[in-house]
Protein backbone atom coordinates (compact mmCIF):
# COMPACT_ATOMS: atom_id res chain seq x y z
CA MET A 1 0.00 0.00 0.00
CA ASN A 2 3.01 2.28 0.02
CA ARG A 3 2.61 4.45 -3.01
CA ARG A 4 5.28 6.83 -3.97
CA ILE A 5 4.12 10.15 -5.33
CA VAL A 6 6.31 11.25 -8.20
CA MET A 7 6.38 14.97 -8.73
CA PRO A 8 7.38 16.59 -12.01
CA LYS A 9 11.02 17.66 -12.26
CA THR A 10 10.06 21.30 -12.12
CA MET A 11 8.71 20.75 -8.60
CA ARG A 12 11.79 18.87 -7.34
CA ARG A 13 13.78 21.77 -6.00
CA ARG A 14 15.72 21.84 -2.79
CA ASN A 15 13.91 24.92 -1.53
CA PRO A 16 10.98 25.80 -3.76
CA ALA A 17 10.05 28.80 -1.59
CA SER A 18 13.36 30.56 -2.25
CA ASN A 19 12.10 31.93 -5.57
CA VAL A 20 8.79 33.01 -4.11
CA LEU A 21 10.10 34.39 -0.78
CA PRO A 22 13.62 35.66 -1.38
CA HIS A 23 14.01 36.90 2.22
CA MET A 24 13.97 33.26 3.34
CA ASP A 25 17.42 32.84 1.77
CA ARG A 26 20.11 33.43 4.42
CA ALA A 27 22.30 35.43 2.03
CA TYR A 28 19.47 37.76 0.92
CA PRO A 29 20.26 41.25 2.28
CA ILE A 30 16.72 42.47 3.09
CA ARG A 31 14.79 40.98 6.03
CA PRO A 32 11.29 41.97 7.19
CA LEU A 33 11.15 41.38 10.96
CA VAL A 34 8.73 41.90 13.83
CA ASN A 35 9.89 42.59 17.38
CA PRO A 36 7.95 40.17 19.64
CA GLN A 37 7.85 42.51 22.66
CA THR A 38 6.63 45.69 20.96
CA GLN A 39 5.14 44.20 17.75
CA THR A 40 7.19 46.77 15.80
CA LYS A 41 7.62 45.88 12.12
CA VAL A 42 11.06 46.67 10.69
CA THR A 43 12.77 45.95 7.38
CA ILE A 44 16.50 45.47 7.91
CA LEU A 45 19.22 45.59 5.26
CA VAL A 46 22.38 43.57 6.12
CA LEU A 47 25.43 43.85 3.86
CA PRO A 48 28.98 42.52 4.21
CA ILE A 49 31.77 45.07 4.53
CA PRO A 50 34.19 44.59 1.61
CA GLY A 51 37.61 43.33 2.62
CA GLY A 52 36.57 42.34 6.13
CA ARG A 53 34.62 39.83 8.13
CA GLN A 54 32.06 42.28 9.42
CA PHE A 55 28.51 43.18 8.45
CA VAL A 56 26.70 46.49 8.50
CA ALA A 57 22.95 46.53 9.19
CA SER A 58 20.55 49.40 8.69
CA THR A 59 16.78 49.80 8.79
CA LEU A 60 14.90 50.92 5.70
CA GLU A 61 12.41 52.86 7.83
CA ASP A 62 15.16 54.96 9.42
CA PRO A 63 18.50 54.85 7.55
CA LYS A 64 20.23 56.70 10.39
CA VAL A 65 19.98 53.52 12.49
CA SER A 66 22.99 51.49 11.42
CA VAL A 67 25.25 49.08 13.31
CA VAL A 68 28.35 47.00 12.57
CA ALA A 69 28.86 43.47 13.92
CA SER A 70 30.99 40.41 13.26
CA THR A 71 28.11 38.17 12.10
CA ARG A 72 25.05 38.74 9.95
CA LYS A 73 22.66 37.61 12.71
CA SER A 74 24.22 39.80 15.41
CA ALA A 75 24.14 42.83 13.09
CA GLN A 76 20.50 42.14 12.31
CA ASP A 77 19.58 41.80 16.01
CA ALA A 78 21.53 44.92 16.98
CA ALA A 79 19.79 46.96 14.26
CA MET A 80 16.40 45.74 15.50
CA ARG A 81 17.24 46.69 19.11
CA ALA A 82 18.54 50.11 18.07
CA TYR A 83 15.42 50.85 16.01
CA VAL A 84 13.05 49.73 18.77
CA GLU A 85 14.90 51.79 21.39
CA LYS A 86 14.66 54.85 19.18
CA HIS A 87 11.10 54.52 17.88
CA ALA A 88 9.11 52.37 20.30
CA PRO A 89 6.53 54.22 22.40
CA LYS A 90 7.84 55.03 25.84
CA LYS A 91 6.06 53.61 28.87
CA ASN A 92 4.36 56.02 31.24
CA THR A 93 5.87 55.26 34.64
CA THR A 94 3.97 57.89 36.62
CA LEU A 95 0.97 56.72 38.64
CA ASP A 96 -2.25 58.70 38.72
CA ASP A 97 -4.83 58.62 41.54
CA GLU A 98 -6.81 55.76 39.98
CA ASP A 99 -3.67 53.59 39.75
CA VAL A 100 -2.87 54.28 43.41
CA ARG A 101 -6.41 53.26 44.46
CA ASP A 102 -6.19 50.10 42.33
CA MET A 103 -2.87 49.15 43.92
CA ALA A 104 -4.36 49.62 47.40
CA LEU A 105 -7.30 47.33 46.49
CA ILE A 106 -4.92 44.69 45.12
CA ARG A 107 -2.81 44.77 48.29
CA LYS A 108 -5.97 44.47 50.43
CA ALA A 109 -7.24 41.53 48.33
CA ARG A 110 -3.93 39.71 48.69
CA LYS A 111 -4.16 39.86 52.48
CA GLU A 112 -7.66 38.34 52.58
CA PRO A 113 -7.94 34.55 52.76
CA ARG A 114 -8.69 32.69 49.54
CA VAL A 115 -12.19 31.33 48.99
CA SER A 116 -12.44 27.74 47.75
CA TRP A 117 -14.18 26.99 44.47
CA GLN A 118 -16.56 24.60 46.21
CA LEU A 119 -17.74 27.39 48.56
CA VAL A 120 -18.31 29.73 45.61
CA LYS A 121 -20.39 27.08 43.81
CA ARG A 122 -22.39 26.37 46.95
CA ARG A 123 -23.19 30.08 47.49
CA ALA A 124 -24.15 30.51 43.83
CA GLY A 125 -26.39 27.41 43.94
CA LEU A 126 -24.45 25.49 41.33
């Protein structure tokens, strides 16, 4: 019952997606990336420096963000970090009155004893 599916020769390529998605090729210089923490989308250009073993990476959204590193991956990661640090929205670290009240309620709730799920079901009539 083992049947072997024979595909046409045009379909027998090592990586058929390389022609469709060129950024999947490791040597392709342009990479669209998304930062998982901030969900910031960045397109990074990584090129080798002629005559050396270093790479320069820059973002297409902000060409002033450029870094040099010894490997392609580290240059890519450093460019992403530099772009996110420069353009990501800053967190508001000041607390307003509502936040202070919420924190007080949370502290009070933590000090109270926990109620078992069985007791909650009994009180609700479940």
